[in-house]
């Protein structure tokens, strides 16, 4: 396993312990802030929010997976090692999910247990997913394939399609997809185009084999 990971050719960056603690605490507070903000929007009538929030349907957007997956990908990719990626992403989701459902229970006055369990389960597996995602920034063929697979997942979170229809969930999801392409871009335009094309093909295959709606 160690030899396999070494062959992926990702460079770990050495940073001080104090910097690691500061980074992880900042990510934790980011998760707490975004979880609280998300539930605040969810608990506020849309006509009481600024027009742009209502127009873009930001509340429902934050209730779907795409934006949270993008944030997790960014945290994982820009962590200094695969282990740090696992820790940072787990801390982010732990803070986000905890603050969201504490707000739901103590401020909004209800606790959607079944929906909460989905997010708890996602948080539980997030360290493994982050560990894998970190290697997507490498230069090997495995890294290229991992990037394409991530693009496939983001594509299916952005678009809903079938034999005779094709549409996007929202403009914000499209922005998430574009940001994902930017984060995962390869060293050359040609490789980036090939990665995107491979990701879209994988998305269609994935949708046929395991149809799942991420909204």
N, C-alpha and C. Protein backbone atom coordinates (compact mmCIF):
# COMPACT_ATOMS: atom_id res chain seq x y z
N UNK A 1 0.83 -1.20 0.00
CA UNK A 1 0.00 0.00 0.00
C UNK A 1 0.87 1.26 0.00
N UNK A 2 1.93 1.25 0.85
CA UNK A 2 2.83 2.40 0.92
C UNK A 2 3.52 2.64 -0.42
N UNK A 3 3.94 1.56 -1.08
CA UNK A 3 4.59 1.69 -2.38
C UNK A 3 3.63 2.27 -3.41
N UNK A 4 2.37 1.80 -3.35
CA UNK A 4 1.36 2.30 -4.28
C UNK A 4 1.16 3.81 -4.10
N UNK A 5 1.06 4.26 -2.85
CA UNK A 5 0.85 5.68 -2.60
C UNK A 5 2.06 6.49 -3.03
N UNK A 6 3.24 5.96 -2.82
CA UNK A 6 4.44 6.67 -3.25
C UNK A 6 4.48 6.85 -4.76
N UNK A 7 3.93 5.88 -5.48
CA UNK A 7 3.94 5.95 -6.94
C UNK A 7 2.99 7.02 -7.48
N UNK A 8 2.07 7.49 -6.65
CA UNK A 8 1.14 8.53 -7.09
C UNK A 8 1.85 9.88 -7.21
N UNK A 9 2.97 10.01 -6.53
CA UNK A 9 3.83 11.18 -6.63
C UNK A 9 3.13 12.48 -6.23
N UNK A 10 2.77 12.56 -4.96
CA UNK A 10 2.27 13.80 -4.38
C UNK A 10 3.27 14.28 -3.34
N UNK A 11 3.57 15.54 -3.37
CA UNK A 11 4.58 16.08 -2.47
C UNK A 11 3.93 16.58 -1.18
N UNK A 12 4.38 16.04 -0.05
CA UNK A 12 3.92 16.52 1.25
C UNK A 12 4.76 17.72 1.66
N UNK A 13 4.09 18.74 2.20
CA UNK A 13 4.78 19.94 2.65
C UNK A 13 4.90 19.91 4.17
N UNK A 14 6.06 20.23 4.65
CA UNK A 14 6.31 20.24 6.08
C UNK A 14 5.95 21.60 6.67
N UNK A 15 5.06 21.61 7.68
CA UNK A 15 4.72 22.84 8.38
C UNK A 15 4.80 22.57 9.88
N UNK A 16 4.96 23.62 10.65
CA UNK A 16 5.14 23.47 12.09
C UNK A 16 3.85 22.97 12.75
N UNK A 17 4.02 22.38 13.93
CA UNK A 17 2.86 21.87 14.67
C UNK A 17 1.89 23.00 15.02
N UNK A 18 2.44 24.15 15.42
CA UNK A 18 1.58 25.27 15.78
C UNK A 18 0.76 25.75 14.58
N UNK A 19 1.37 25.74 13.40
CA UNK A 19 0.66 26.14 12.18
C UNK A 19 -0.43 25.12 11.87
N UNK A 20 -0.16 23.84 12.07
CA UNK A 20 -1.17 22.81 11.84
C UNK A 20 -2.37 23.01 12.75
N UNK A 21 -2.10 23.30 14.03
CA UNK A 21 -3.18 23.52 14.99
C UNK A 21 -4.01 24.74 14.61
N UNK A 22 -3.34 25.81 14.23
CA UNK A 22 -4.04 27.04 13.83
C UNK A 22 -4.91 26.79 12.61
N UNK A 23 -4.35 26.09 11.61
CA UNK A 23 -5.11 25.80 10.39
C UNK A 23 -6.35 24.96 10.70
N UNK A 24 -6.17 23.93 11.53
CA UNK A 24 -7.29 23.05 11.86
C UNK A 24 -8.35 23.78 12.66
N UNK A 25 -7.95 24.64 13.59
CA UNK A 25 -8.92 25.41 14.37
C UNK A 25 -9.68 26.38 13.47
N UNK A 26 -8.97 26.98 12.50
CA UNK A 26 -9.64 27.89 11.56
C UNK A 26 -10.67 27.14 10.73
N UNK A 27 -10.33 25.94 10.31
CA UNK A 27 -11.26 25.12 9.53
C UNK A 27 -12.46 24.71 10.38
N UNK A 28 -12.21 24.39 11.65
CA UNK A 28 -13.31 24.06 12.57
C UNK A 28 -14.27 25.24 12.70
N UNK A 29 -13.74 26.44 12.93
CA UNK A 29 -14.58 27.62 13.08
C UNK A 29 -15.32 27.95 11.78
N UNK A 30 -14.67 27.69 10.65
CA UNK A 30 -15.34 27.88 9.35
C UNK A 30 -16.54 26.95 9.25
N UNK A 31 -16.35 25.68 9.63
CA UNK A 31 -17.45 24.72 9.60
C UNK A 31 -18.59 25.15 10.51
N UNK A 32 -18.25 25.59 11.73
CA UNK A 32 -19.28 26.03 12.68
C UNK A 32 -20.04 27.24 12.13
N UNK A 33 -19.31 28.20 11.57
CA UNK A 33 -19.93 29.40 11.04
C UNK A 33 -20.86 29.08 9.86
N UNK A 34 -20.39 28.24 8.94
CA UNK A 34 -21.19 27.91 7.77
C UNK A 34 -22.39 27.05 8.14
N UNK A 35 -22.23 26.14 9.11
CA UNK A 35 -23.35 25.33 9.55
C UNK A 35 -24.43 26.18 10.19
N UNK A 36 -24.02 27.13 11.04
CA UNK A 36 -24.97 28.03 11.68
C UNK A 36 -25.66 28.92 10.66
N UNK A 37 -24.87 29.46 9.73
CA UNK A 37 -25.42 30.34 8.70
C UNK A 37 -26.41 29.58 7.82
N UNK A 38 -26.06 28.34 7.46
CA UNK A 38 -26.94 27.54 6.62
C UNK A 38 -28.29 27.30 7.30
N UNK A 39 -28.26 26.95 8.59
CA UNK A 39 -29.51 26.70 9.30
C UNK A 39 -30.28 27.98 9.52
N UNK A 40 -29.58 29.10 9.72
CA UNK A 40 -30.24 30.39 9.85
C UNK A 40 -31.05 30.70 8.59
N UNK A 41 -30.43 30.50 7.42
CA UNK A 41 -31.15 30.73 6.16
C UNK A 41 -32.32 29.78 6.02
N UNK A 42 -32.10 28.53 6.40
CA UNK A 42 -33.14 27.52 6.30
C UNK A 42 -34.33 27.85 7.19
N UNK A 43 -34.09 28.56 8.27
CA UNK A 43 -35.12 28.85 9.27
C UNK A 43 -35.72 30.25 9.10
N UNK A 44 -35.28 30.94 8.04
CA UNK A 44 -35.75 32.31 7.80
C UNK A 44 -36.58 32.35 6.52
N UNK A 45 -37.71 33.02 6.58
CA UNK A 45 -38.57 33.16 5.40
C UNK A 45 -37.79 33.84 4.28
N UNK A 46 -37.94 33.33 3.08
CA UNK A 46 -37.16 33.83 1.95
C UNK A 46 -37.39 35.31 1.68
N UNK A 47 -38.63 35.78 1.93
CA UNK A 47 -38.90 37.20 1.66
C UNK A 47 -38.33 38.13 2.74
N UNK A 48 -37.77 37.55 3.80
CA UNK A 48 -37.08 38.36 4.81
C UNK A 48 -35.58 38.47 4.52
N UNK A 49 -35.11 37.76 3.50
CA UNK A 49 -33.71 37.76 3.14
C UNK A 49 -33.45 38.77 2.02
N UNK A 50 -32.20 39.20 1.84
CA UNK A 50 -31.87 40.07 0.70
C UNK A 50 -32.32 39.43 -0.61
N UNK A 51 -32.67 40.28 -1.58
CA UNK A 51 -33.22 39.79 -2.85
C UNK A 51 -32.33 38.76 -3.52
N UNK A 52 -31.02 39.00 -3.49
CA UNK A 52 -30.10 38.09 -4.18
C UNK A 52 -30.13 36.70 -3.57
N UNK A 53 -30.33 36.60 -2.25
CA UNK A 53 -30.43 35.30 -1.59
C UNK A 53 -31.70 34.58 -2.06
N UNK A 54 -32.80 35.33 -2.15
CA UNK A 54 -34.05 34.74 -2.59
C UNK A 54 -33.98 34.35 -4.07
N UNK A 55 -33.39 35.23 -4.89
CA UNK A 55 -33.31 34.98 -6.33
C UNK A 55 -32.48 33.75 -6.64
N UNK A 56 -31.35 33.59 -5.95
CA UNK A 56 -30.46 32.45 -6.18
C UNK A 56 -30.83 31.22 -5.36
N UNK A 57 -31.83 31.38 -4.48
CA UNK A 57 -32.29 30.27 -3.64
C UNK A 57 -31.12 29.69 -2.83
N UNK A 58 -30.40 30.58 -2.17
CA UNK A 58 -29.20 30.19 -1.44
C UNK A 58 -29.50 29.20 -0.33
N UNK A 59 -30.64 29.37 0.35
CA UNK A 59 -30.99 28.47 1.44
C UNK A 59 -31.07 27.01 1.00
N UNK A 60 -31.78 26.76 -0.08
CA UNK A 60 -31.89 25.39 -0.60
C UNK A 60 -30.57 24.90 -1.18
N UNK A 61 -29.81 25.81 -1.77
CA UNK A 61 -28.50 25.45 -2.30
C UNK A 61 -27.60 24.92 -1.19
N UNK A 62 -27.60 25.57 -0.04
CA UNK A 62 -26.78 25.13 1.08
C UNK A 62 -27.32 23.84 1.71
N UNK A 63 -28.56 23.51 1.40
CA UNK A 63 -29.13 22.26 1.90
C UNK A 63 -28.82 21.06 1.02
N UNK A 64 -28.17 21.31 -0.12
CA UNK A 64 -27.76 20.22 -1.00
C UNK A 64 -26.27 19.93 -0.82
N UNK A 65 -25.78 18.91 -1.50
CA UNK A 65 -24.43 18.41 -1.24
C UNK A 65 -23.32 19.17 -1.95
N UNK A 66 -23.60 19.74 -3.12
CA UNK A 66 -22.54 20.21 -4.01
C UNK A 66 -21.55 21.15 -3.35
N UNK A 67 -22.03 22.20 -2.70
CA UNK A 67 -21.14 23.21 -2.13
C UNK A 67 -20.27 22.61 -1.03
N UNK A 68 -20.85 21.70 -0.24
CA UNK A 68 -20.09 21.10 0.86
C UNK A 68 -19.01 20.16 0.34
N UNK A 69 -19.32 19.47 -0.74
CA UNK A 69 -18.32 18.60 -1.36
C UNK A 69 -17.18 19.43 -1.94
N UNK A 70 -17.52 20.55 -2.58
CA UNK A 70 -16.48 21.42 -3.13
C UNK A 70 -15.57 21.96 -2.03
N UNK A 71 -16.16 22.42 -0.93
CA UNK A 71 -15.34 22.93 0.18
C UNK A 71 -14.43 21.83 0.71
N UNK A 72 -14.97 20.62 0.86
CA UNK A 72 -14.17 19.50 1.35
C UNK A 72 -13.03 19.18 0.39
N UNK A 73 -13.30 19.23 -0.91
CA UNK A 73 -12.26 18.97 -1.90
C UNK A 73 -11.15 20.02 -1.79
N UNK A 74 -11.54 21.28 -1.64
CA UNK A 74 -10.54 22.35 -1.52
C UNK A 74 -9.69 22.16 -0.27
N UNK A 75 -10.35 21.83 0.85
CA UNK A 75 -9.61 21.61 2.10
C UNK A 75 -8.63 20.45 1.93
N UNK A 76 -9.10 19.36 1.32
CA UNK A 76 -8.25 18.18 1.14
C UNK A 76 -7.09 18.47 0.19
N UNK A 77 -7.37 19.06 -0.95
CA UNK A 77 -6.35 19.31 -1.96
C UNK A 77 -5.25 20.23 -1.44
N UNK A 78 -5.64 21.24 -0.67
CA UNK A 78 -4.66 22.23 -0.22
C UNK A 78 -4.08 21.93 1.16
N UNK A 79 -4.42 20.78 1.74
CA UNK A 79 -3.76 20.35 2.97
C UNK A 79 -2.34 19.91 2.63
N UNK A 80 -1.46 19.91 3.63
CA UNK A 80 -0.05 19.63 3.33
C UNK A 80 0.28 18.15 3.26
N UNK A 81 -0.65 17.28 3.66
CA UNK A 81 -0.44 15.84 3.55
C UNK A 81 -1.79 15.14 3.53
N UNK A 82 -1.79 13.87 3.17
CA UNK A 82 -3.05 13.11 3.12
C UNK A 82 -3.66 12.94 4.50
N UNK A 83 -2.81 12.75 5.51
CA UNK A 83 -3.31 12.62 6.88
C UNK A 83 -3.95 13.93 7.35
N UNK A 84 -3.26 15.03 7.05
CA UNK A 84 -3.81 16.33 7.41
C UNK A 84 -5.10 16.60 6.66
N UNK A 85 -5.20 16.15 5.43
CA UNK A 85 -6.45 16.29 4.67
C UNK A 85 -7.60 15.59 5.39
N UNK A 86 -7.33 14.37 5.87
CA UNK A 86 -8.35 13.60 6.59
C UNK A 86 -8.80 14.33 7.85
N UNK A 87 -7.83 14.83 8.60
CA UNK A 87 -8.15 15.52 9.86
C UNK A 87 -8.93 16.80 9.59
N UNK A 88 -8.45 17.59 8.65
CA UNK A 88 -9.07 18.89 8.37
C UNK A 88 -10.49 18.76 7.85
N UNK A 89 -10.70 17.83 6.94
CA UNK A 89 -12.05 17.65 6.38
C UNK A 89 -13.01 17.11 7.44
N UNK A 90 -12.54 16.17 8.26
CA UNK A 90 -13.39 15.65 9.33
C UNK A 90 -13.77 16.76 10.31
N UNK A 91 -12.80 17.58 10.68
CA UNK A 91 -13.05 18.68 11.62
C UNK A 91 -14.06 19.66 11.02
N UNK A 92 -13.91 19.95 9.73
CA UNK A 92 -14.85 20.87 9.07
C UNK A 92 -16.28 20.34 9.14
N UNK A 93 -16.47 19.07 8.75
CA UNK A 93 -17.82 18.52 8.75
C UNK A 93 -18.36 18.34 10.16
N UNK A 94 -17.49 17.98 11.11
CA UNK A 94 -17.93 17.85 12.49
C UNK A 94 -18.45 19.19 13.01
N UNK A 95 -17.73 20.27 12.71
CA UNK A 95 -18.17 21.60 13.13
C UNK A 95 -19.44 22.03 12.42
N UNK A 96 -19.51 21.80 11.12
CA UNK A 96 -20.67 22.22 10.34
C UNK A 96 -21.93 21.48 10.76
N UNK A 97 -21.84 20.14 10.82
CA UNK A 97 -23.01 19.33 11.14
C UNK A 97 -23.46 19.57 12.59
N UNK A 98 -22.52 19.66 13.51
CA UNK A 98 -22.87 19.89 14.91
C UNK A 98 -23.58 21.23 15.10
N UNK A 99 -23.02 22.30 14.53
CA UNK A 99 -23.62 23.63 14.69
C UNK A 99 -24.99 23.69 14.00
N UNK A 100 -25.10 23.04 12.85
CA UNK A 100 -26.37 23.05 12.11
C UNK A 100 -27.48 22.42 12.94
N UNK A 101 -27.21 21.27 13.51
CA UNK A 101 -28.28 20.56 14.22
C UNK A 101 -28.46 21.04 15.65
N UNK A 102 -27.45 21.67 16.25
CA UNK A 102 -27.66 22.35 17.53
C UNK A 102 -28.59 23.54 17.33
N UNK A 103 -28.36 24.29 16.27
CA UNK A 103 -29.24 25.41 15.93
C UNK A 103 -30.65 24.90 15.66
N UNK A 104 -30.73 23.82 14.91
CA UNK A 104 -32.04 23.24 14.58
C UNK A 104 -32.79 22.84 15.84
N UNK A 105 -32.10 22.22 16.78
CA UNK A 105 -32.75 21.69 17.98
C UNK A 105 -33.10 22.78 18.99
N UNK A 106 -32.15 23.68 19.24
CA UNK A 106 -32.33 24.65 20.33
C UNK A 106 -32.87 26.01 19.89
N UNK A 107 -32.73 26.34 18.63
CA UNK A 107 -33.24 27.62 18.15
C UNK A 107 -34.51 27.43 17.30
N UNK A 108 -34.41 26.53 16.30
CA UNK A 108 -35.57 26.28 15.44
C UNK A 108 -36.62 25.41 16.13
N UNK A 109 -36.19 24.62 17.11
CA UNK A 109 -37.14 23.84 17.89
C UNK A 109 -37.52 22.49 17.33
N UNK A 110 -36.74 21.95 16.41
CA UNK A 110 -37.01 20.59 15.92
C UNK A 110 -35.69 19.93 15.51
N UNK A 111 -35.70 18.61 15.51
CA UNK A 111 -34.49 17.86 15.19
C UNK A 111 -34.85 16.74 14.20
N UNK A 112 -34.53 16.93 12.90
CA UNK A 112 -34.82 15.92 11.87
C UNK A 112 -33.83 14.77 11.95
N UNK A 113 -34.12 13.78 12.78
CA UNK A 113 -33.15 12.73 13.09
C UNK A 113 -32.69 11.95 11.87
N UNK A 114 -33.62 11.54 11.00
CA UNK A 114 -33.25 10.71 9.85
C UNK A 114 -32.32 11.47 8.91
N UNK A 115 -32.60 12.75 8.68
CA UNK A 115 -31.74 13.56 7.80
C UNK A 115 -30.39 13.81 8.46
N UNK A 116 -30.43 14.00 9.79
CA UNK A 116 -29.18 14.22 10.52
C UNK A 116 -28.26 13.01 10.43
N UNK A 117 -28.85 11.81 10.44
CA UNK A 117 -28.05 10.59 10.38
C UNK A 117 -27.31 10.48 9.05
N UNK A 118 -27.90 11.01 7.97
CA UNK A 118 -27.23 11.01 6.68
C UNK A 118 -25.94 11.83 6.76
N UNK A 119 -26.05 13.02 7.36
CA UNK A 119 -24.89 13.89 7.48
C UNK A 119 -23.86 13.34 8.47
N UNK A 120 -24.33 12.70 9.53
CA UNK A 120 -23.40 12.07 10.48
C UNK A 120 -22.62 10.96 9.78
N UNK A 121 -23.32 10.17 8.98
CA UNK A 121 -22.66 9.11 8.22
C UNK A 121 -21.65 9.67 7.23
N UNK A 122 -22.03 10.76 6.55
CA UNK A 122 -21.13 11.40 5.59
C UNK A 122 -19.90 11.94 6.31
N UNK A 123 -20.12 12.52 7.50
CA UNK A 123 -18.99 13.03 8.29
C UNK A 123 -18.06 11.90 8.70
N UNK A 124 -18.64 10.76 9.04
CA UNK A 124 -17.84 9.61 9.50
C UNK A 124 -16.91 9.08 8.42
N UNK A 125 -17.37 9.10 7.17
CA UNK A 125 -16.53 8.57 6.08
C UNK A 125 -15.69 9.66 5.42
N UNK A 126 -15.90 10.91 5.81
CA UNK A 126 -15.19 12.02 5.15
C UNK A 126 -13.66 11.93 5.28
N UNK A 127 -13.10 11.44 6.40
CA UNK A 127 -11.64 11.34 6.46
C UNK A 127 -11.05 10.42 5.38
N UNK A 128 -11.72 9.30 5.13
CA UNK A 128 -11.24 8.38 4.09
C UNK A 128 -11.34 9.02 2.72
N UNK A 129 -12.46 9.68 2.44
CA UNK A 129 -12.64 10.32 1.15
C UNK A 129 -11.62 11.45 0.96
N UNK A 130 -11.36 12.20 2.03
CA UNK A 130 -10.38 13.29 1.95
C UNK A 130 -8.98 12.75 1.72
N UNK A 131 -8.65 11.66 2.39
CA UNK A 131 -7.35 11.01 2.23
C UNK A 131 -7.13 10.66 0.75
N UNK A 132 -8.15 10.10 0.12
CA UNK A 132 -8.06 9.72 -1.29
C UNK A 132 -7.98 10.95 -2.18
N UNK A 133 -8.83 11.96 -1.89
CA UNK A 133 -8.88 13.17 -2.72
C UNK A 133 -7.55 13.90 -2.73
N UNK A 134 -6.81 13.86 -1.64
CA UNK A 134 -5.54 14.58 -1.58
C UNK A 134 -4.59 14.13 -2.68
N UNK A 135 -4.65 12.85 -3.03
CA UNK A 135 -3.76 12.31 -4.06
C UNK A 135 -4.18 12.71 -5.47
N UNK A 136 -5.34 13.35 -5.60
CA UNK A 136 -5.78 13.77 -6.93
C UNK A 136 -4.92 14.89 -7.48
N UNK A 137 -4.17 15.57 -6.63
CA UNK A 137 -3.35 16.69 -7.11
C UNK A 137 -1.98 16.24 -7.62
N UNK A 138 -1.73 14.94 -7.62
CA UNK A 138 -0.45 14.43 -8.09
C UNK A 138 -0.32 14.47 -9.60
N UNK A 139 0.78 13.93 -10.10
CA UNK A 139 1.06 13.99 -11.53
C UNK A 139 0.95 12.62 -12.22
N UNK A 140 0.59 11.60 -11.46
CA UNK A 140 0.54 10.25 -12.03
C UNK A 140 -0.80 9.99 -12.74
N UNK A 141 -0.87 8.86 -13.40
CA UNK A 141 -2.12 8.47 -14.06
C UNK A 141 -3.21 8.18 -13.03
N UNK A 142 -2.81 7.65 -11.88
CA UNK A 142 -3.80 7.40 -10.82
C UNK A 142 -4.40 8.72 -10.34
N UNK A 143 -3.55 9.72 -10.15
CA UNK A 143 -4.03 11.04 -9.74
C UNK A 143 -4.98 11.63 -10.78
N UNK A 144 -4.60 11.46 -12.04
CA UNK A 144 -5.45 11.94 -13.14
C UNK A 144 -6.82 11.27 -13.08
N UNK A 145 -6.84 9.96 -12.84
CA UNK A 145 -8.10 9.22 -12.77
C UNK A 145 -8.93 9.64 -11.57
N UNK A 146 -8.26 9.88 -10.44
CA UNK A 146 -8.98 10.35 -9.25
C UNK A 146 -9.63 11.70 -9.51
N UNK A 147 -8.90 12.59 -10.18
CA UNK A 147 -9.46 13.91 -10.52
C UNK A 147 -10.68 13.77 -11.41
N UNK A 148 -10.59 12.89 -12.39
CA UNK A 148 -11.72 12.66 -13.29
C UNK A 148 -12.93 12.11 -12.53
N UNK A 149 -12.69 11.22 -11.57
CA UNK A 149 -13.79 10.67 -10.79
C UNK A 149 -14.46 11.75 -9.94
N UNK A 150 -13.65 12.64 -9.38
CA UNK A 150 -14.22 13.75 -8.60
C UNK A 150 -15.05 14.65 -9.50
N UNK A 151 -14.55 14.93 -10.69
CA UNK A 151 -15.30 15.72 -11.66
C UNK A 151 -16.62 15.04 -11.98
N UNK A 152 -16.60 13.71 -12.10
CA UNK A 152 -17.83 12.97 -12.39
C UNK A 152 -18.87 13.17 -11.30
N UNK A 153 -18.44 13.11 -10.05
CA UNK A 153 -19.36 13.30 -8.93
C UNK A 153 -19.90 14.73 -8.93
N UNK A 154 -19.04 15.71 -9.14
CA UNK A 154 -19.49 17.10 -9.19
C UNK A 154 -20.45 17.34 -10.36
N UNK A 155 -20.18 16.68 -11.48
CA UNK A 155 -21.05 16.82 -12.65
C UNK A 155 -22.46 16.33 -12.32
N UNK A 156 -22.54 15.19 -11.65
CA UNK A 156 -23.86 14.64 -11.30
C UNK A 156 -24.53 15.40 -10.17
N UNK A 157 -23.77 16.21 -9.44
CA UNK A 157 -24.36 17.10 -8.45
C UNK A 157 -24.83 18.41 -9.07
N UNK A 158 -24.36 18.68 -10.27
CA UNK A 158 -24.68 19.94 -10.95
C UNK A 158 -25.82 19.79 -11.95
N UNK A 159 -25.85 18.65 -12.64
CA UNK A 159 -26.82 18.44 -13.71
C UNK A 159 -27.72 17.25 -13.42
N UNK A 160 -28.95 17.35 -13.84
CA UNK A 160 -29.88 16.22 -13.80
C UNK A 160 -30.27 15.93 -15.24
N UNK A 161 -30.18 14.67 -15.64
CA UNK A 161 -30.35 14.36 -17.05
C UNK A 161 -30.87 12.94 -17.24
N UNK A 162 -31.38 12.70 -18.43
CA UNK A 162 -31.86 11.39 -18.83
C UNK A 162 -31.77 11.28 -20.34
N UNK A 163 -32.55 10.36 -20.90
CA UNK A 163 -32.46 10.14 -22.34
C UNK A 163 -32.96 11.34 -23.14
N UNK A 164 -33.92 12.09 -22.62
CA UNK A 164 -34.52 13.18 -23.41
C UNK A 164 -34.49 14.52 -22.67
N UNK A 165 -33.75 14.61 -21.60
CA UNK A 165 -33.69 15.90 -20.90
C UNK A 165 -32.30 16.09 -20.29
N UNK A 166 -31.97 17.35 -20.12
CA UNK A 166 -30.68 17.72 -19.52
C UNK A 166 -30.81 19.13 -18.97
N UNK A 167 -30.64 19.30 -17.68
CA UNK A 167 -30.73 20.62 -17.07
C UNK A 167 -29.87 20.67 -15.81
N UNK A 168 -29.58 21.87 -15.36
CA UNK A 168 -28.77 22.01 -14.15
C UNK A 168 -29.68 22.31 -12.96
N UNK A 169 -29.19 21.94 -11.77
CA UNK A 169 -29.96 22.21 -10.57
C UNK A 169 -30.14 23.71 -10.37
N UNK A 170 -29.06 24.47 -10.47
CA UNK A 170 -29.14 25.92 -10.31
C UNK A 170 -27.85 26.54 -10.82
N UNK A 171 -27.87 27.86 -10.94
CA UNK A 171 -26.68 28.59 -11.35
C UNK A 171 -25.55 28.42 -10.35
N UNK A 172 -25.89 28.31 -9.07
CA UNK A 172 -24.87 28.15 -8.04
C UNK A 172 -24.18 26.79 -8.14
N UNK A 173 -24.94 25.75 -8.47
CA UNK A 173 -24.32 24.45 -8.69
C UNK A 173 -23.37 24.48 -9.88
N UNK A 174 -23.76 25.21 -10.92
CA UNK A 174 -22.88 25.35 -12.08
C UNK A 174 -21.58 26.04 -11.67
N UNK A 175 -21.69 27.05 -10.82
CA UNK A 175 -20.51 27.74 -10.33
C UNK A 175 -19.61 26.79 -9.52
N UNK A 176 -20.24 25.91 -8.73
CA UNK A 176 -19.50 24.91 -7.98
C UNK A 176 -18.71 24.00 -8.92
N UNK A 177 -19.36 23.57 -9.99
CA UNK A 177 -18.70 22.69 -10.96
C UNK A 177 -17.50 23.37 -11.60
N UNK A 178 -17.68 24.64 -11.99
CA UNK A 178 -16.59 25.40 -12.61
C UNK A 178 -15.43 25.57 -11.63
N UNK A 179 -15.76 25.84 -10.37
CA UNK A 179 -14.71 25.98 -9.35
C UNK A 179 -13.98 24.64 -9.16
N UNK A 180 -14.72 23.55 -9.21
CA UNK A 180 -14.11 22.23 -9.09
C UNK A 180 -13.12 21.97 -10.22
N UNK A 181 -13.48 22.37 -11.43
CA UNK A 181 -12.57 22.24 -12.56
C UNK A 181 -11.31 23.06 -12.35
N UNK A 182 -11.48 24.26 -11.80
CA UNK A 182 -10.32 25.13 -11.57
C UNK A 182 -9.38 24.55 -10.51
N UNK A 183 -9.96 24.00 -9.45
CA UNK A 183 -9.15 23.44 -8.37
C UNK A 183 -8.39 22.20 -8.83
N UNK A 184 -9.02 21.41 -9.68
CA UNK A 184 -8.44 20.14 -10.11
C UNK A 184 -7.68 20.22 -11.43
N UNK A 185 -7.54 21.42 -11.98
CA UNK A 185 -6.90 21.58 -13.29
C UNK A 185 -5.51 20.96 -13.30
N UNK A 186 -5.14 20.44 -14.47
CA UNK A 186 -3.84 19.81 -14.64
C UNK A 186 -2.81 20.85 -15.09
N UNK A 187 -1.62 20.40 -15.37
CA UNK A 187 -0.53 21.30 -15.71
C UNK A 187 -0.66 21.92 -17.10
N UNK A 188 -1.40 21.28 -17.98
CA UNK A 188 -1.59 21.81 -19.32
C UNK A 188 -3.08 21.88 -19.64
N UNK A 189 -3.42 22.75 -20.57
CA UNK A 189 -4.82 22.88 -20.99
C UNK A 189 -5.31 21.57 -21.59
N UNK A 190 -4.45 20.92 -22.38
CA UNK A 190 -4.82 19.64 -23.01
C UNK A 190 -5.19 18.61 -21.96
N UNK A 191 -4.36 18.48 -20.92
CA UNK A 191 -4.64 17.50 -19.87
C UNK A 191 -5.90 17.87 -19.09
N UNK A 192 -6.14 19.15 -18.88
CA UNK A 192 -7.35 19.59 -18.18
C UNK A 192 -8.60 19.24 -18.99
N UNK A 193 -8.52 19.44 -20.30
CA UNK A 193 -9.65 19.10 -21.17
C UNK A 193 -9.89 17.59 -21.15
N UNK A 194 -8.81 16.82 -21.22
CA UNK A 194 -8.93 15.36 -21.19
C UNK A 194 -9.52 14.89 -19.86
N UNK A 195 -9.08 15.51 -18.75
CA UNK A 195 -9.62 15.16 -17.44
C UNK A 195 -11.11 15.46 -17.37
N UNK A 196 -11.51 16.62 -17.88
CA UNK A 196 -12.93 17.00 -17.86
C UNK A 196 -13.76 16.05 -18.71
N UNK A 197 -13.27 15.73 -19.90
CA UNK A 197 -13.98 14.82 -20.79
C UNK A 197 -14.13 13.43 -20.16
N UNK A 198 -13.06 12.94 -19.56
CA UNK A 198 -13.11 11.65 -18.89
C UNK A 198 -14.08 11.68 -17.71
N UNK A 199 -14.09 12.80 -16.97
CA UNK A 199 -15.01 12.93 -15.85
C UNK A 199 -16.46 12.92 -16.28
N UNK A 200 -16.77 13.58 -17.39
CA UNK A 200 -18.15 13.61 -17.89
C UNK A 200 -18.59 12.23 -18.35
N UNK A 201 -17.70 11.52 -19.04
CA UNK A 201 -18.01 10.15 -19.46
C UNK A 201 -18.27 9.27 -18.23
N UNK A 202 -17.42 9.38 -17.23
CA UNK A 202 -17.60 8.61 -16.00
C UNK A 202 -18.91 8.98 -15.30
N UNK A 203 -19.28 10.26 -15.39
CA UNK A 203 -20.53 10.71 -14.77
C UNK A 203 -21.73 10.01 -15.39
N UNK A 204 -21.74 9.91 -16.73
CA UNK A 204 -22.83 9.24 -17.41
C UNK A 204 -22.86 7.75 -17.06
N UNK A 205 -21.69 7.14 -17.00
CA UNK A 205 -21.61 5.72 -16.63
C UNK A 205 -22.10 5.52 -15.21
N UNK A 206 -21.65 6.39 -14.31
CA UNK A 206 -22.05 6.30 -12.91
C UNK A 206 -23.55 6.49 -12.75
N UNK A 207 -24.09 7.39 -13.53
CA UNK A 207 -25.53 7.66 -13.46
C UNK A 207 -26.34 6.45 -13.95
N UNK A 208 -25.79 5.72 -14.91
CA UNK A 208 -26.48 4.52 -15.42
C UNK A 208 -26.39 3.37 -14.42
N UNK A 209 -25.22 3.21 -13.81
CA UNK A 209 -25.01 2.08 -12.90
C UNK A 209 -25.63 2.30 -11.53
N UNK A 210 -25.41 3.51 -11.00
CA UNK A 210 -25.92 3.83 -9.66
C UNK A 210 -26.62 5.18 -9.72
N UNK A 211 -27.84 5.22 -10.25
CA UNK A 211 -28.55 6.51 -10.32
C UNK A 211 -28.85 7.02 -8.93
N UNK A 212 -28.37 8.23 -8.65
CA UNK A 212 -28.56 8.82 -7.33
C UNK A 212 -28.68 10.32 -7.49
N UNK A 213 -29.69 10.90 -6.90
CA UNK A 213 -29.91 12.33 -7.02
C UNK A 213 -29.33 13.03 -5.79
N UNK A 214 -28.44 13.97 -6.06
CA UNK A 214 -27.68 14.61 -4.99
C UNK A 214 -28.37 15.85 -4.46
N UNK A 215 -29.47 16.22 -4.99
CA UNK A 215 -30.11 17.45 -4.57
C UNK A 215 -30.77 17.36 -3.21
